[in-house]
Protein backbone atom coordinates (compact mmCIF):
# COMPACT_ATOMS: atom_id res chain seq x y z
CA MET A 1 126.37 92.89 130.88
CA ARG A 2 126.22 89.34 129.59
CA LYS A 3 124.43 88.70 126.40
CA ILE A 4 121.57 86.13 126.47
CA LYS A 5 121.85 83.38 123.88
CA PRO A 6 118.63 82.79 121.81
CA ASP A 7 116.67 79.64 122.37
CA VAL A 8 116.83 78.29 118.78
CA PRO A 9 114.80 75.07 119.31
CA GLY A 10 112.13 77.15 120.85
CA ILE A 11 112.14 79.55 118.00
CA ILE A 12 111.89 76.73 115.54
CA ALA A 13 109.16 74.91 117.47
CA GLY A 14 107.11 78.21 117.88
CA THR A 15 107.48 78.90 114.08
CA VAL A 16 106.33 75.40 113.15
CA LEU A 17 103.39 75.37 115.49
CA SER A 18 102.15 78.88 114.59
CA GLY A 19 102.64 77.96 110.84
CA GLY A 20 100.66 74.80 111.46
CA ALA A 21 97.86 76.77 113.08
CA THR A 22 97.94 79.25 110.19
CA ILE A 23 97.71 76.43 107.62
CA TRP A 24 94.84 74.95 109.62
CA ILE A 25 92.89 78.24 109.71
CA LEU A 26 93.55 78.90 105.98
CA ASN A 27 92.37 75.31 105.10
CA ASP A 28 89.31 75.65 107.37
CA ASN A 29 88.32 78.86 105.57
CA GLY A 30 88.97 77.47 102.05
CA VAL A 31 91.93 79.64 101.17
CA VAL A 32 94.32 76.73 100.95
CA GLN A 33 92.99 73.50 99.49
CA THR A 34 94.17 70.03 100.61
CA ASP A 35 96.02 69.59 97.42
CA ASP A 36 98.24 72.49 98.28
CA LEU A 37 99.06 71.34 101.79
CA GLY A 38 102.26 69.37 100.96
CA LEU A 39 103.78 72.31 99.31
CA THR A 40 102.66 74.58 102.07
CA ALA A 41 104.10 72.36 104.79
CA ALA A 42 107.30 71.99 102.93
CA LEU A 43 107.71 75.86 102.61
CA LEU A 44 106.85 76.18 106.19
CA LEU A 45 109.70 73.73 107.31
CA VAL A 46 112.14 75.49 105.00
CA ALA A 47 111.22 78.85 106.40
CA ALA A 48 111.57 77.51 110.03
CA GLY A 49 115.09 76.25 109.09
CA ILE A 50 116.11 79.53 107.71
CA ILE A 51 114.85 81.39 110.62
CA GLY A 52 116.60 78.95 113.03
CA LEU A 53 119.92 79.30 111.20
CA ALA A 54 119.67 82.99 111.16
CA ALA A 55 118.95 83.06 114.88
CA SER A 56 121.81 80.73 115.69
CA HIS A 57 124.32 82.72 113.62
CA ARG A 58 123.49 86.16 115.19
CA SER A 59 126.41 87.64 117.17
């Protein structure tokens, strides 16, 4: 049986989009203030990069 390779760009795009939607919901409900959005967005991109690297290095 042939192993299917993960779709890394799709994983990263899905992570960024779902993270952006989460930030939007948290900002809309007042949990995250607009002053914190830069840090939150940076952490989201770092997390997406780590997830993408982990997915691409799986055997």
